[in-house]
Amino acid sequence: MKKDALGFLGLLYPSHQVIIGEELWRRIDEVTLIVAASDIVSGEASKNLGKIKRAHKPLFQGFNSEELGMALGHAKINFIGIVGKKASMNFLLKAKKGEQDEETTIQQK
């Protein structure tokens, strides 16, 4: 389920394996994966997507800004940086499994 991946982000946050806000852009070299909201459209967001490309960081866009915010106890979040290869891989596995589960559910209906 998608909730597993979002819950995993929530667990990473207090252990400082997730970086948000301005700190993300200051510590981008430490980040192994960036999770970006799928509904971002502002000019600032476009500028930040350019920063991600220039830093050659992998990008995942599977959740909207409200879902990302709720996972970390905020209203909305557009960008989340995950620190650590193991944490990044586990997040991607949970997110991919959530997508597959949703597709299976849709096909069964």
C-alpha atoms as a PDB file:
ATOM      1  CA  MET A   1       0.000   0.000   0.000  1.00  0.00           C
ATOM      2  CA  LYS A   2       1.020   3.608  -0.553  1.00  0.00           C
ATOM      3  CA  LYS A   3       0.463   4.134   3.161  1.00  0.00           C
ATOM      4  CA  ASP A   4       3.412   1.847   3.943  1.00  0.00           C
ATOM      5  CA  ALA A   5       5.804   4.116   2.053  1.00  0.00           C
ATOM      6  CA  LEU A   6       4.360   7.243   3.685  1.00  0.00           C
ATOM      7  CA  GLY A   7       4.539   5.594   7.103  1.00  0.00           C
ATOM      8  CA  PHE A   8       8.153   4.699   6.436  1.00  0.00           C
ATOM      9  CA  LEU A   9       8.891   8.379   5.713  1.00  0.00           C
ATOM     10  CA  GLY A  10       7.269   9.202   9.041  1.00  0.00           C
ATOM     11  CA  LEU A  11       9.633   6.788  10.793  1.00  0.00           C
ATOM     12  CA  LEU A  12      12.689   8.203   9.042  1.00  0.00           C
ATOM     13  CA  TYR A  13      11.899  11.788  10.072  1.00  0.00           C
ATOM     14  CA  PRO A  14      12.647  11.603  13.832  1.00  0.00           C
ATOM     15  CA  SER A  15      15.803   9.583  13.125  1.00  0.00           C
ATOM     16  CA  HIS A  16      17.119  12.478  10.971  1.00  0.00           C
ATOM     17  CA  GLN A  17      17.225  10.391   7.793  1.00  0.00           C
ATOM     18  CA  VAL A  18      14.807  12.811   6.136  1.00  0.00           C
ATOM     19  CA  ILE A  19      15.615  16.430   5.336  1.00  0.00           C
ATOM     20  CA  ILE A  20      13.028  19.064   4.414  1.00  0.00           C
ATOM     21  CA  GLY A  21      12.905  22.798   3.801  1.00  0.00           C
ATOM     22  CA  GLU A  22      15.929  25.014   3.235  1.00  0.00           C
ATOM     23  CA  GLU A  23      18.154  22.479   4.974  1.00  0.00           C
ATOM     24  CA  LEU A  24      17.533  20.064   2.090  1.00  0.00           C
ATOM     25  CA  TRP A  25      19.188  22.422  -0.399  1.00  0.00           C
ATOM     26  CA  ARG A  26      22.128  23.124   1.942  1.00  0.00           C
ATOM     27  CA  ARG A  27      22.741  19.399   2.510  1.00  0.00           C
ATOM     28  CA  ILE A  28      21.854  18.085  -0.948  1.00  0.00           C
ATOM     29  CA  ASP A  29      25.217  16.296  -1.236  1.00  0.00           C
ATOM     30  CA  GLU A  30      24.193  13.986   1.641  1.00  0.00           C
ATOM     31  CA  VAL A  31      20.850  13.063   0.070  1.00  0.00           C
ATOM     32  CA  THR A  32      20.532   9.756  -1.790  1.00  0.00           C
ATOM     33  CA  LEU A  33      16.919  10.191  -3.000  1.00  0.00           C
ATOM     34  CA  ILE A  34      14.560  13.132  -3.357  1.00  0.00           C
ATOM     35  CA  VAL A  35      10.825  12.650  -3.060  1.00  0.00           C
ATOM     36  CA  ALA A  36       8.945  15.472  -4.789  1.00  0.00           C
ATOM     37  CA  ALA A  37       5.227  16.126  -4.667  1.00  0.00           C
ATOM     38  CA  SER A  38       3.430  15.192  -7.863  1.00  0.00           C
ATOM     39  CA  ASP A  39       1.272  18.337  -7.763  1.00  0.00           C
ATOM     40  CA  ILE A  40       3.946  21.050  -7.642  1.00  0.00           C
ATOM     41  CA  VAL A  41       3.584  23.759 -10.263  1.00  0.00           C
ATOM     42  CA  SER A  42       5.150  26.978  -8.948  1.00  0.00           C
ATOM     43  CA  GLY A  43       8.188  28.687 -10.456  1.00  0.00           C
ATOM     44  CA  GLU A  44      10.109  27.991  -7.245  1.00  0.00           C
ATOM     45  CA  ALA A  45       9.346  24.291  -7.610  1.00  0.00           C
ATOM     46  CA  SER A  46      10.634  24.311 -11.199  1.00  0.00           C
ATOM     47  CA  LYS A  47      13.818  25.977  -9.996  1.00  0.00           C
ATOM     48  CA  ASN A  48      14.242  23.291  -7.332  1.00  0.00           C
ATOM     49  CA  LEU A  49      13.691  20.502  -9.884  1.00  0.00           C
ATOM     50  CA  GLY A  50      16.571  22.043 -11.837  1.00  0.00           C
ATOM     51  CA  LYS A  51      18.763  21.913  -8.705  1.00  0.00           C
ATOM     52  CA  ILE A  52      17.951  18.219  -8.364  1.00  0.00           C
ATOM     53  CA  LYS A  53      18.946  17.500 -11.973  1.00  0.00           C
ATOM     54  CA  ARG A  54      22.199  19.447 -11.638  1.00  0.00           C
ATOM     55  CA  ALA A  55      23.034  17.521  -8.456  1.00  0.00           C
ATOM     56  CA  HIS A  56      22.350  14.212 -10.283  1.00  0.00           C
ATOM     57  CA  LYS A  57      20.012  12.974  -7.551  1.00  0.00           C
ATOM     58  CA  PRO A  58      17.337  10.345  -8.198  1.00  0.00           C
ATOM     59  CA  LEU A  59      13.799  11.706  -8.023  1.00  0.00           C
ATOM     60  CA  PHE A  60      10.562   9.962  -7.015  1.00  0.00           C
ATOM     61  CA  GLN A  61       7.164  11.612  -7.610  1.00  0.00           C
ATOM     62  CA  GLY A  62       4.365   9.369  -6.423  1.00  0.00           C
ATOM     63  CA  PHE A  63       2.555  11.400  -3.754  1.00  0.00           C
ATOM     64  CA  ASN A  64       0.958  14.830  -3.629  1.00  0.00           C
ATOM     65  CA  SER A  65       2.112  17.594  -1.280  1.00  0.00           C
ATOM     66  CA  GLU A  66      -0.652  16.930   1.259  1.00  0.00           C
ATOM     67  CA  GLU A  67       0.222  13.223   1.508  1.00  0.00           C
ATOM     68  CA  LEU A  68       3.905  14.049   2.004  1.00  0.00           C
ATOM     69  CA  GLY A  69       3.022  16.675   4.590  1.00  0.00           C
ATOM     70  CA  MET A  70       0.766  14.337   6.553  1.00  0.00           C
ATOM     71  CA  ALA A  71       3.502  11.696   6.640  1.00  0.00           C
ATOM     72  CA  LEU A  72       5.789  14.121   8.495  1.00  0.00           C
ATOM     73  CA  GLY A  73       3.172  16.007  10.517  1.00  0.00           C
ATOM     74  CA  HIS A  74       3.018  19.146   8.363  1.00  0.00           C
ATOM     75  CA  ALA A  75       0.270  20.678   6.227  1.00  0.00           C
ATOM     76  CA  LYS A  76       2.073  20.354   2.867  1.00  0.00           C
ATOM     77  CA  ILE A  77       5.594  19.449   1.774  1.00  0.00           C
ATOM     78  CA  ASN A  78       6.896  19.678  -1.784  1.00  0.00           C
ATOM     79  CA  PHE A  79      10.362  18.130  -1.419  1.00  0.00           C
ATOM     80  CA  ILE A  80      11.811  15.544   0.948  1.00  0.00           C
ATOM     81  CA  GLY A  81      15.407  14.347   0.883  1.00  0.00           C
ATOM     82  CA  ILE A  82      16.214  10.864   2.165  1.00  0.00           C
ATOM     83  CA  VAL A  83      19.709  10.322   3.567  1.00  0.00           C
ATOM     84  CA  GLY A  84      21.262   6.871   3.264  1.00  0.00           C
ATOM     85  CA  LYS A  85      21.185   4.274   0.519  1.00  0.00           C
ATOM     86  CA  LYS A  86      19.466   1.642   2.651  1.00  0.00           C
ATOM     87  CA  ALA A  87      16.673   4.011   3.676  1.00  0.00           C
ATOM     88  CA  SER A  88      16.227   5.152   0.069  1.00  0.00           C
ATOM     89  CA  MET A  89      16.033   1.606  -1.256  1.00  0.00           C
ATOM     90  CA  ASN A  90      13.535   0.559   1.419  1.00  0.00           C
ATOM     91  CA  PHE A  91      11.351   3.573   0.642  1.00  0.00           C
ATOM     92  CA  LEU A  92      11.408   2.811  -3.089  1.00  0.00           C
ATOM     93  CA  LEU A  93      10.531  -0.842  -2.473  1.00  0.00           C
ATOM     94  CA  LYS A  94       7.551   0.119  -0.313  1.00  0.00           C
ATOM     95  CA  ALA A  95       6.404   2.773  -2.795  1.00  0.00           C
ATOM     96  CA  LYS A  96       6.694   0.375  -5.748  1.00  0.00           C
ATOM     97  CA  LYS A  97       4.801  -2.335  -3.857  1.00  0.00           C
ATOM     98  CA  GLY A  98       2.098   0.227  -3.059  1.00  0.00           C
ATOM     99  CA  GLU A  99       1.745   1.109  -6.744  1.00  0.00           C
ATOM    100  CA  GLN A 100       1.489  -2.566  -7.692  1.00  0.00           C
ATOM    101  CA  ASP A 101      -1.130  -3.185  -4.978  1.00  0.00           C
ATOM    102  CA  GLU A 102      -3.204  -0.253  -6.255  1.00  0.00           C
ATOM    103  CA  GLU A 103      -3.019  -1.532  -9.847  1.00  0.00           C
ATOM    104  CA  THR A 104      -4.127  -4.994  -8.705  1.00  0.00           C
ATOM    105  CA  THR A 105      -7.063  -3.511  -6.794  1.00  0.00           C
ATOM    106  CA  ILE A 106      -8.138  -1.432  -9.810  1.00  0.00           C
ATOM    107  CA  GLN A 107      -7.927  -4.452 -12.130  1.00  0.00           C
ATOM    108  CA  GLN A 108     -10.033  -6.556  -9.755  1.00  0.00           C
ATOM    109  CA  LYS A 109     -12.842  -3.975  -9.816  1.00  0.00           C
END
